[in-house]
Protein backbone atom coordinates (compact mmCIF):
# COMPACT_ATOMS: atom_id res chain seq x y z
CA MET A 1 -148.65 -32.33 42.67
CA ALA A 2 -151.59 -30.03 43.58
CA ALA A 3 -149.90 -29.43 47.14
CA ALA A 4 -146.04 -29.07 44.44
CA LEU A 5 -147.83 -26.82 42.57
CA ILE A 6 -149.22 -25.28 44.92
CA LEU A 7 -146.08 -24.36 46.72
CA SER A 8 -144.09 -23.90 43.66
CA LEU A 9 -146.73 -20.83 42.76
CA LEU A 10 -146.10 -19.33 46.15
CA SER A 11 -142.44 -18.89 45.54
CA VAL A 12 -143.57 -17.00 42.38
CA VAL A 13 -145.31 -14.20 44.65
CA ASN A 14 -144.02 -12.67 47.95
CA LEU A 15 -146.78 -13.72 49.45
CA ALA A 16 -146.12 -11.89 52.75
CA SER A 17 -146.02 -7.82 52.06
CA ALA A 18 -145.23 -5.49 54.27
CA ILE A 19 -147.80 -3.15 53.35
CA ASP A 20 -151.28 -3.46 55.04
CA ALA A 21 -154.85 -3.07 53.56
CA ALA A 22 -155.14 0.41 54.51
CA THR A 23 -151.82 1.81 53.01
CA ILE A 24 -152.94 -0.15 49.79
CA GLN A 25 -156.19 1.44 49.43
CA ALA A 26 -154.87 5.12 50.22
CA TYR A 27 -152.33 4.54 47.55
CA LEU A 28 -154.82 3.85 44.92
CA LYS A 29 -157.71 6.23 46.19
CA ASP A 30 -154.76 8.42 45.29
CA ASN A 31 -153.47 7.45 41.92
CA LEU A 32 -156.56 6.40 40.20
CA SER A 33 -158.97 7.61 37.79
CA SER A 34 -162.16 9.42 39.84
CA GLY A 35 -164.34 6.10 38.00
CA SER A 36 -162.01 3.46 40.12
CA GLU A 37 -162.95 2.52 43.49
CA VAL A 38 -160.96 0.99 45.93
CA LEU A 39 -162.30 -1.29 48.71
CA LEU A 40 -161.62 -3.22 51.67
CA PRO A 41 -163.11 -6.38 52.74
CA SER A 42 -165.32 -4.95 55.37
CA ASP A 43 -166.78 -1.84 53.57
CA SER A 44 -170.41 -2.42 52.96
CA ALA A 45 -170.11 -2.22 49.09
CA TYR A 46 -167.33 -4.54 49.25
CA ALA A 47 -170.26 -7.34 48.24
CA SER A 48 -172.49 -5.52 46.12
CA ASP A 49 -169.48 -3.47 44.00
CA LEU A 50 -167.34 -6.22 43.33
CA THR A 51 -168.41 -9.06 41.17
CA GLU A 52 -169.01 -12.44 43.02
CA ARG A 53 -167.03 -15.54 42.96
CA TRP A 54 -168.73 -18.20 40.55
CA ASN A 55 -166.86 -21.41 42.60
CA ALA A 56 -165.93 -21.09 46.55
CA TYR A 57 -164.09 -24.17 46.98
CA ASP A 58 -160.45 -23.46 47.05
CA ALA A 59 -160.88 -19.56 46.49
CA PRO A 60 -158.28 -16.78 46.77
CA SER A 61 -158.65 -14.79 49.79
CA TYR A 62 -158.21 -10.20 49.41
CA ILE A 63 -157.29 -7.62 51.57
CA VAL A 64 -158.31 -4.79 49.18
CA GLY A 65 -160.84 -4.92 45.84
CA VAL A 66 -159.68 -2.30 43.14
CA LYS A 67 -162.25 -1.76 40.07
CA PRO A 68 -160.81 -0.05 37.79
CA ALA A 69 -162.35 2.41 35.19
CA THR A 70 -159.40 2.95 32.07
CA ALA A 71 -156.55 0.91 31.18
CA GLU A 72 -154.69 3.10 32.73
CA ASP A 73 -155.91 2.46 36.22
CA VAL A 74 -154.73 -1.29 35.27
CA SER A 75 -151.28 -0.55 34.38
CA THR A 76 -151.39 1.92 37.69
CA ILE A 77 -152.26 -1.11 39.98
CA ILE A 78 -149.55 -3.52 38.51
CA LYS A 79 -147.15 -1.41 38.12
CA TYR A 80 -147.97 -0.77 42.63
CA ALA A 81 -148.26 -4.24 43.22
CA SER A 82 -145.28 -5.80 41.29
CA ASN A 83 -143.08 -2.95 43.04
CA ASN A 84 -144.72 -4.19 46.40
CA SER A 85 -144.25 -7.64 46.32
CA ILE A 86 -148.23 -8.01 46.23
CA PRO A 87 -150.07 -10.47 44.54
CA PHE A 88 -153.44 -9.86 42.61
CA LEU A 89 -155.86 -11.31 40.95
CA GLY A 90 -157.56 -9.96 37.60
CA THR A 91 -161.58 -10.87 37.94
CA GLY A 92 -163.23 -10.89 34.44
CA GLY A 93 -166.22 -12.92 34.61
CA GLY A 94 -166.22 -14.31 37.86
CA HIS A 95 -166.75 -18.13 36.67
CA GLY A 96 -163.75 -21.01 36.76
CA TYR A 97 -162.97 -24.20 38.10
CA THR A 98 -159.12 -24.25 39.27
CA THR A 99 -158.00 -24.97 42.22
CA THR A 100 -154.54 -22.94 41.55
CA THR A 101 -155.41 -19.93 42.33
CA SER A 102 -155.81 -20.37 46.28
CA ALA A 103 -152.27 -20.11 45.89
CA LEU A 104 -152.95 -16.47 46.00
CA GLN A 105 -153.45 -14.73 50.13
CA ASN A 106 -154.20 -11.71 50.45
CA GLY A 107 -154.24 -9.98 47.84
CA ILE A 108 -155.21 -7.61 45.25
CA ASN A 109 -158.94 -8.08 43.81
CA LEU A 110 -158.54 -6.17 40.79
CA ASP A 111 -162.36 -6.13 38.84
CA LEU A 112 -162.66 -5.64 35.84
CA SER A 113 -166.89 -5.28 36.06
CA ALA A 114 -166.51 -1.21 34.48
CA PHE A 115 -165.01 -2.98 31.67
CA ASP A 116 -168.52 -4.43 30.53
CA SER A 117 -169.28 -2.15 27.22
CA VAL A 118 -170.12 -4.51 24.03
CA SER A 119 -170.13 -2.80 20.46
CA VAL A 120 -170.90 -4.37 17.51
CA ASP A 121 -170.39 -3.10 14.00
CA GLU A 122 -172.56 -4.63 11.28
CA SER A 123 -171.21 -3.32 8.35
CA ALA A 124 -168.12 -5.09 9.65
CA SER A 125 -169.18 -7.94 11.27
CA THR A 126 -167.09 -7.28 14.07
CA MET A 127 -167.63 -7.54 17.60
CA THR A 128 -165.65 -5.11 20.78
CA ILE A 129 -166.01 -6.01 24.30
CA GLY A 130 -165.09 -5.51 27.85
CA GLY A 131 -162.59 -7.58 29.66
CA ALA A 132 -165.82 -8.08 32.12
CA VAL A 133 -168.50 -9.40 29.40
CA THR A 134 -169.97 -12.47 29.44
CA PHE A 135 -171.22 -14.49 26.73
CA GLY A 136 -174.86 -13.66 28.00
CA ASP A 137 -173.99 -9.88 27.56
CA ILE A 138 -173.09 -10.25 23.58
CA LEU A 139 -176.21 -12.96 22.78
CA ASP A 140 -178.90 -10.24 21.86
CA PRO A 141 -176.98 -7.58 20.90
CA VAL A 142 -175.13 -9.77 17.82
CA PHE A 143 -178.90 -11.87 16.92
CA ALA A 144 -179.87 -8.08 16.71
CA ALA A 145 -177.56 -7.41 14.04
CA GLY A 146 -178.26 -10.13 12.05
CA LYS A 147 -174.97 -11.65 13.41
CA GLU A 148 -173.60 -14.84 14.82
CA ILE A 149 -170.11 -15.75 16.92
CA GLN A 150 -169.42 -19.40 17.95
CA THR A 151 -169.47 -19.09 22.34
CA GLY A 152 -169.24 -21.39 24.25
CA SER A 153 -171.98 -23.53 26.66
CA CYS A 154 -172.83 -21.41 29.58
CA SER A 155 -174.15 -18.12 30.02
CA CYS A 156 -172.61 -16.33 32.88
CA VAL A 157 -169.22 -17.23 32.01
CA GLY A 158 -166.83 -14.33 30.63
CA MET A 159 -166.32 -14.46 27.04
CA VAL A 160 -162.38 -12.91 27.47
CA GLY A 161 -161.58 -15.44 29.46
CA ALA A 162 -162.83 -18.15 28.19
CA THR A 163 -161.58 -16.74 24.65
CA LEU A 164 -157.96 -17.55 26.30
CA GLY A 165 -157.59 -20.97 26.81
CA GLY A 166 -159.79 -21.62 23.56
CA GLY A 167 -162.70 -21.61 23.67
CA ILE A 168 -164.87 -24.48 22.88
CA GLY A 169 -168.90 -24.55 22.46
CA PRO A 170 -171.63 -25.52 20.12
CA TYR A 171 -170.93 -23.64 17.38
CA GLN A 172 -167.22 -24.69 16.97
CA GLY A 173 -168.55 -27.20 13.84
CA LEU A 174 -168.97 -23.97 11.75
CA HIS A 175 -166.57 -21.49 12.72
CA GLY A 176 -164.10 -23.32 14.82
CA LEU A 177 -162.73 -22.08 18.29
CA ILE A 178 -164.13 -18.70 19.96
CA ILE A 179 -159.77 -18.14 19.63
CA ASP A 180 -160.03 -18.09 15.67
CA ALA A 181 -163.05 -15.15 15.57
CA LEU A 182 -160.72 -12.81 17.46
CA ASP A 183 -158.66 -10.53 15.88
CA SER A 184 -157.06 -8.30 18.08
CA VAL A 185 -156.88 -7.33 22.08
CA THR A 186 -155.57 -4.28 24.71
CA ILE A 187 -153.91 -5.58 27.62
CA VAL A 188 -151.59 -4.61 30.61
CA THR A 189 -148.76 -6.53 30.52
CA GLY A 190 -146.84 -8.02 33.21
CA THR A 191 -144.80 -4.57 33.16
CA GLY A 192 -147.21 -2.30 33.52
CA ASP A 193 -147.54 -1.61 29.34
CA ILE A 194 -150.84 -0.73 27.74
CA VAL A 195 -150.47 -2.82 24.29
CA ASN A 196 -152.45 -4.12 21.57
CA ALA A 197 -151.99 -7.42 19.77
CA SER A 198 -153.25 -8.96 16.55
CA ALA A 199 -152.03 -10.99 13.31
CA SER A 200 -150.13 -7.86 12.70
CA GLU A 201 -149.28 -5.99 16.32
CA ASN A 202 -147.26 -7.56 18.59
CA SER A 203 -147.77 -11.07 16.71
CA ASP A 204 -145.75 -13.66 19.12
CA LEU A 205 -148.09 -12.01 21.78
CA PHE A 206 -150.84 -12.84 20.23
CA TRP A 207 -150.14 -16.53 19.75
CA GLY A 208 -149.71 -17.29 22.88
CA ILE A 209 -152.74 -14.98 24.25
CA LYS A 210 -155.20 -17.23 21.75
CA GLY A 211 -154.42 -20.77 24.05
CA ALA A 212 -152.52 -19.50 27.04
CA GLY A 213 -153.37 -15.73 27.37
CA GLN A 214 -154.14 -15.41 31.15
CA ASN A 215 -150.34 -16.12 31.83
CA PHE A 216 -149.38 -13.12 30.38
CA GLY A 217 -151.24 -9.88 31.71
CA ILE A 218 -154.83 -8.43 31.77
CA ILE A 219 -156.77 -7.76 28.57
CA THR A 220 -158.93 -4.74 28.97
CA SER A 221 -160.85 -4.72 25.03
CA ALA A 222 -161.34 -7.51 22.75
CA THR A 223 -162.16 -7.38 19.05
CA TYR A 224 -163.61 -10.11 17.47
CA THR A 225 -165.21 -11.56 13.92
CA LEU A 226 -169.05 -11.99 13.62
CA HIS A 227 -170.56 -14.38 11.41
CA ASP A 228 -173.51 -13.76 9.19
CA GLN A 229 -176.54 -15.81 10.92
CA THR A 230 -176.65 -19.73 10.06
CA ASN A 231 -180.21 -20.64 9.29
CA SER A 232 -181.68 -17.13 9.63
CA GLY A 233 -180.81 -17.39 13.51
CA SER A 234 -182.58 -20.26 14.77
CA ALA A 235 -181.35 -24.42 15.18
CA LEU A 236 -183.05 -27.23 16.05
CA ASN A 237 -182.42 -28.33 19.68
CA GLY A 238 -183.23 -32.20 20.81
CA ASP A 239 -182.82 -32.61 24.85
CA PHE A 240 -182.99 -36.24 25.84
CA LEU A 241 -183.34 -37.92 29.24
CA PHE A 242 -182.99 -41.46 28.92
CA PRO A 243 -182.99 -44.28 31.48
CA ALA A 244 -180.21 -45.90 32.24
CA SER A 245 -181.31 -48.81 31.97
CA GLU A 246 -180.86 -47.82 27.81
CA ASN A 247 -177.05 -47.03 29.07
CA ALA A 248 -176.05 -49.51 25.49
CA THR A 249 -178.13 -48.44 23.27
CA ILE A 250 -177.52 -44.41 23.87
CA PHE A 251 -173.40 -44.85 24.03
CA GLN A 252 -173.42 -46.86 20.78
CA ILE A 253 -175.57 -44.09 19.10
CA LEU A 254 -172.34 -41.88 20.90
CA LYS A 255 -169.99 -44.01 19.50
CA ASP A 256 -171.17 -43.80 16.15
CA PHE A 257 -171.08 -40.16 16.05
CA ALA A 258 -168.21 -39.87 17.32
CA GLY A 259 -165.76 -37.92 14.64
CA ASN A 260 -168.43 -38.75 12.35
CA GLN A 261 -170.85 -35.46 13.44
CA PRO A 262 -172.00 -33.24 10.39
CA ASP A 263 -170.22 -30.04 11.27
CA ALA A 264 -173.93 -28.60 12.38
CA LEU A 265 -174.46 -30.59 14.46
CA SER A 266 -172.83 -30.67 18.29
CA LEU A 267 -173.28 -32.93 21.42
CA THR A 268 -173.17 -33.04 24.81
CA THR A 269 -174.01 -35.87 27.13
CA ALA A 270 -173.52 -35.98 31.14
CA ILE A 271 -174.25 -39.04 33.33
CA GLN A 272 -176.56 -37.46 36.16
CA TYR A 273 -178.81 -37.84 38.89
CA SER A 274 -182.51 -37.07 38.14
CA SER A 275 -184.70 -35.79 40.95
CA THR A 276 -187.31 -36.44 38.54
CA PHE A 277 -187.53 -39.74 37.92
CA ASN A 278 -185.91 -40.20 41.55
CA SER A 279 -182.46 -41.98 39.39
CA THR A 280 -179.43 -42.20 37.53
CA VAL A 281 -179.55 -40.89 34.19
CA ILE A 282 -178.10 -39.79 30.80
CA MET A 283 -178.72 -36.88 29.92
CA VAL A 284 -178.57 -36.22 25.78
CA ASN A 285 -178.58 -32.61 24.09
CA ALA A 286 -178.14 -32.58 20.57
CA VAL A 287 -177.90 -29.01 18.71
CA TYR A 288 -178.29 -28.78 14.72
CA ALA A 289 -177.04 -25.31 13.15
CA GLY A 290 -179.68 -26.15 10.19
CA ALA A 291 -183.42 -26.77 8.95
CA GLU A 292 -185.19 -28.56 11.10
CA ALA A 293 -186.13 -31.48 8.71
CA GLU A 294 -181.89 -32.09 8.42
CA GLY A 295 -182.10 -31.92 11.81
CA ARG A 296 -184.79 -33.96 13.17
CA GLU A 297 -183.03 -36.59 10.70
CA VAL A 298 -179.87 -36.67 11.90
CA ILE A 299 -180.91 -36.59 15.49
CA ALA A 300 -183.46 -39.58 14.20
CA PRO A 301 -181.69 -42.52 16.67
CA PHE A 302 -181.81 -40.26 19.96
CA LEU A 303 -185.86 -39.97 18.38
CA ASP A 304 -186.30 -43.53 18.09
CA ALA A 305 -184.35 -44.24 21.66
CA THR A 306 -186.50 -44.68 24.83
CA SER A 307 -186.30 -41.83 26.48
CA LEU A 308 -187.96 -41.19 30.11
CA GLN A 309 -188.82 -37.03 28.62
CA SER A 310 -187.55 -35.32 25.92
CA ASN A 311 -188.12 -31.89 24.86
CA VAL A 312 -187.59 -31.35 20.80
CA THR A 313 -187.95 -27.53 19.80
CA THR A 314 -186.13 -24.44 17.22
CA ILE A 315 -184.33 -22.24 19.28
CA PRO A 316 -183.50 -18.69 18.06
CA TRP A 317 -179.32 -18.56 17.69
CA ASN A 318 -179.63 -15.78 21.14
CA ARG A 319 -181.73 -17.71 23.44
CA LEU A 320 -180.21 -21.49 22.88
CA ILE A 321 -177.73 -21.51 25.82
CA HIS A 322 -179.77 -19.93 27.65
CA GLU A 323 -182.86 -22.78 27.38
CA ASN A 324 -181.01 -26.00 26.24
CA ARG A 325 -180.35 -28.81 28.10
CA PHE A 326 -183.23 -28.34 29.91
CA GLY A 327 -182.66 -25.09 31.04
CA ALA A 328 -179.53 -26.10 33.11
CA ASP A 329 -177.75 -22.51 32.01
CA ALA A 330 -180.04 -21.19 35.03
CA LEU A 331 -178.98 -23.62 37.48
CA GLY A 332 -174.95 -23.38 36.40
CA CYS A 333 -175.01 -19.24 37.08
CA ILE A 334 -175.89 -19.34 40.38
CA ALA A 335 -172.50 -18.02 42.25
CA GLY A 336 -171.12 -18.69 45.91
CA ALA A 337 -171.13 -22.41 46.17
CA ASN A 338 -168.52 -25.09 46.45
CA GLN A 339 -167.48 -26.65 42.83
CA ALA A 340 -164.78 -28.83 41.76
CA ALA A 341 -164.35 -30.40 38.79
CA TYR A 342 -161.96 -32.93 36.36
CA GLY A 343 -161.73 -32.26 32.65
CA LEU A 344 -159.85 -34.36 30.45
CA ASN A 345 -159.36 -34.66 26.55
CA LEU A 346 -160.92 -38.19 25.07
CA TYR A 347 -159.38 -38.80 21.78
CA GLU A 348 -161.58 -42.78 21.97
CA TYR A 349 -165.31 -43.56 22.48
CA ASP A 350 -165.18 -46.02 23.92
CA VAL A 351 -168.75 -47.65 24.98
CA ALA A 352 -167.79 -50.23 27.66
CA THR A 353 -165.80 -47.14 29.56
CA HIS A 354 -168.71 -45.40 29.54
CA GLN A 355 -170.77 -47.95 30.87
CA ALA A 356 -168.17 -48.32 34.12
CA ALA A 357 -168.66 -44.66 34.29
CA LEU A 358 -172.37 -44.39 34.69
CA ASP A 359 -172.50 -47.94 37.06
CA ALA A 360 -169.87 -45.84 39.14
CA TYR A 361 -171.78 -42.62 39.69
CA VAL A 362 -174.69 -45.15 40.67
CA ALA A 363 -172.59 -46.19 43.22
CA PHE A 364 -171.27 -42.89 44.22
CA TYR A 365 -173.86 -41.00 44.68
CA ALA A 366 -175.75 -44.04 47.38
CA ALA A 367 -172.58 -43.70 49.31
CA THR A 368 -172.47 -39.98 49.41
CA GLY A 369 -175.50 -38.33 49.14
CA LEU A 370 -173.61 -35.32 46.25
CA THR A 371 -176.86 -35.61 43.82
CA THR A 372 -175.95 -32.56 42.13
CA SER A 373 -172.71 -34.12 40.48
CA TYR A 374 -172.19 -35.46 37.02
CA THR A 375 -170.08 -36.13 34.54
CA VAL A 376 -170.44 -34.35 30.91
CA VAL A 377 -168.81 -35.26 27.67
CA GLU A 378 -169.14 -32.48 24.78
CA MET A 379 -168.67 -33.31 21.15
CA PHE A 380 -168.01 -30.93 18.72
CA PRO A 381 -167.40 -31.06 14.86
CA THR A 382 -163.40 -30.40 14.34
CA LYS A 383 -163.24 -30.38 10.11
CA VAL A 384 -163.35 -26.02 10.33
CA THR A 385 -161.18 -26.28 13.78
CA LEU A 386 -158.29 -28.05 12.18
CA GLN A 387 -158.24 -25.39 9.46
CA THR A 388 -156.16 -23.61 11.39
CA ALA A 389 -152.66 -25.66 11.80
CA ASP A 390 -151.92 -26.19 14.56
CA ASP A 391 -149.18 -23.33 14.93
CA ALA A 392 -150.89 -21.22 14.53
CA THR A 393 -152.04 -20.50 17.63
CA ALA A 394 -151.01 -21.75 20.98
CA TYR A 395 -154.26 -23.52 21.48
CA PRO A 396 -152.58 -27.27 21.71
CA TYR A 397 -155.49 -29.42 21.53
CA ARG A 398 -157.61 -28.51 17.81
CA ASN A 399 -157.85 -32.82 17.32
CA THR A 400 -159.86 -33.62 20.76
CA LEU A 401 -162.39 -35.71 19.52
CA ALA A 402 -164.42 -35.34 23.29
CA TYR A 403 -164.19 -32.83 25.97
CA LEU A 404 -165.04 -34.60 29.44
CA PHE A 405 -165.30 -33.03 32.69
CA MET A 406 -166.72 -34.34 36.57
CA SER A 407 -168.35 -31.58 37.75
CA PHE A 408 -168.84 -31.68 42.14
CA SER A 409 -170.98 -29.63 43.93
CA GLY A 410 -173.06 -29.53 46.91
CA PHE A 411 -170.01 -30.71 49.49
CA SER A 412 -169.35 -28.75 52.18
CA THR A 413 -167.43 -31.23 54.33
CA ASP A 414 -163.33 -32.94 54.73
CA ASP A 415 -165.34 -36.26 54.61
CA GLN A 416 -167.28 -35.29 51.26
CA THR A 417 -164.02 -33.12 49.47
CA SER A 418 -162.42 -36.54 50.48
CA ALA A 419 -164.95 -38.70 48.85
CA ILE A 420 -164.94 -36.72 45.61
CA SER A 421 -161.15 -36.36 45.44
CA ASP A 422 -161.06 -40.24 45.26
CA PHE A 423 -163.99 -41.11 43.14
CA ALA A 424 -162.22 -38.15 40.65
CA LEU A 425 -158.83 -39.71 40.66
CA GLU A 426 -159.82 -42.45 40.16
CA ARG A 427 -162.15 -42.14 37.18
CA ARG A 428 -159.97 -39.50 35.54
CA ALA A 429 -157.11 -42.70 35.93
CA VAL A 430 -159.68 -45.27 33.84
CA TRP A 431 -160.06 -42.47 31.30
CA VAL A 432 -156.44 -41.62 30.82
CA GLU A 433 -155.95 -45.14 30.19
CA LEU A 434 -157.82 -44.94 27.25
CA ASN A 435 -155.78 -42.34 25.56
CA SER A 436 -153.21 -44.24 25.30
CA ASP A 437 -149.95 -43.01 24.48
CA LYS A 438 -151.31 -39.28 25.12
CA GLY A 439 -151.77 -39.78 28.31
CA LEU A 440 -153.38 -37.01 30.41
CA GLU A 441 -154.29 -34.25 28.25
CA VAL A 442 -156.91 -31.24 29.52
CA TYR A 443 -158.24 -28.83 27.93
CA VAL A 444 -156.94 -25.64 30.18
CA ASN A 445 -160.81 -23.99 31.20
CA TYR A 446 -161.76 -27.26 32.55
CA ALA A 447 -158.40 -28.22 34.58
CA HIS A 448 -159.17 -28.99 38.01
CA GLY A 449 -155.29 -27.59 38.90
CA ASP A 450 -153.16 -30.59 39.68
CA GLU A 451 -152.03 -31.65 36.17
CA GLY A 452 -149.67 -29.41 35.47
CA ARG A 453 -148.30 -27.87 32.60
CA ASP A 454 -147.59 -30.08 30.20
CA ALA A 455 -151.42 -31.08 30.57
CA TRP A 456 -151.95 -27.60 29.81
CA TYR A 457 -150.45 -26.42 27.00
CA THR A 458 -147.88 -29.52 26.03
CA ALA A 459 -144.10 -30.07 26.15
CA ALA A 460 -144.20 -28.82 22.79
CA LYS A 461 -145.55 -25.21 22.88
CA LEU A 462 -143.94 -24.53 26.10
CA PRO A 463 -140.80 -23.39 24.91
CA LYS A 464 -142.12 -20.16 22.78
CA LEU A 465 -144.49 -19.57 25.46
CA GLU A 466 -141.88 -19.05 28.14
CA SER A 467 -140.53 -17.14 25.68
CA ILE A 468 -143.10 -14.64 25.33
CA LYS A 469 -143.41 -14.99 28.85
CA SER A 470 -139.86 -13.37 29.47
CA THR A 471 -140.83 -10.37 27.32
CA TRP A 472 -144.49 -9.51 28.65
CA ASP A 473 -144.71 -10.76 31.95
CA PRO A 474 -140.05 -10.76 33.39
CA SER A 475 -141.65 -10.73 37.20
CA ASN A 476 -143.34 -14.03 36.04
CA LEU A 477 -146.77 -11.55 38.02
CA PHE A 478 -149.36 -13.94 36.21
CA ASN A 479 -149.14 -17.64 37.58
CA PHE A 480 -152.41 -17.83 39.39
CA THR A 481 -154.34 -19.45 36.98
CA ASN A 482 -153.19 -22.56 35.67
CA GLY A 483 -149.63 -21.15 35.39
CA PHE A 484 -146.32 -21.37 34.61
CA THR A 485 -143.12 -19.20 35.22
CA TYR A 486 -139.96 -19.39 32.50
């Protein structure tokens, strides 16, 4: 399936452009604003001035890197690339897993790192950011204004990029998906037009942006609604490592919480290897956005279980994703390594299936030595998320019970890559079977790239998405990131 998908993507854009890198560079230097940069990979400034790609696995390749300074520059680049059949890819935070971007070879790296502004309007409870701003960039300014907003769980991920796929994270139970906070965007579309999109302006485009936005253009700025701080801006955070022998107890606790979480409680769990304890462990992170006493009562089942290590503290909102999960954020933000992920939505929490996954990882670690690999399951309350009607946005999976992704790193050989693929596909098939008639459905930001457009966007929403694409990206330029054509 992956090979067929990449071949389909390759047919969209003629990758064999007759224009060489020097010609592209010369044209763009002459036609972009003075604040822009146009670099060749051989230039010494290429690595330092452009955003490093977080994931080196199945990466696209570029013959020119461009750092535009204005939306008009972005428009010029898109029009030039389209007219000359040169593939391109926008880079915001530079973070992502999908293998579909590997279909882009010898193209233009359209680097948005100059679009890095963060502007908070405390009186209006809004925030406007540039297209390259990461979650980490907004935490302190928002917190200083006495506000908060739902974010993802990793500080180095681009906020706009995460938003386009829907946006899940630890305050989702209180405020909904990140797209539910999105008020408006400025986007440079596949036609090269610079337009605003919101509920009242280009509303169909805005509908598509909220769940499939990477298919229509490049967003240079986005405005979000902020919320007053919950619990004076702090949350109770519980991090736990449990031995594998406690699996029945821990997985049963999680099953009891599944679908029954308080709105303030988010749960992230992982089957992972601990170098400290030289064994496979179960990591549990519980975030309760409320009073400490209430939170301790809610997470009492974990407190009462036998752990190898625990850390239960109150953390300010602006430090939460930096510090929770035993500080895993810092490791997750190291760029330039091979990363592979396979995601899946879950609609049932089955203890036996999780126990089988634990056993499988014990064997996988022993066979491959790839002990930096793990499986994460994120459970966020859905009541507020479901208050927005399914047909109000392109995002199709508001009813997801849990988001699973298997993350693999530390691999460099063909044998290791094959072992990962075999293991991941086998485990994914087990989870898919658990989903019964829903089958393979995946949060698009967690997609491996082989699942296909129905799994990313659903057959029910694709007809409207195709219609929107025919208007705003009629040449099918934006198809390299889990894309679709019309």
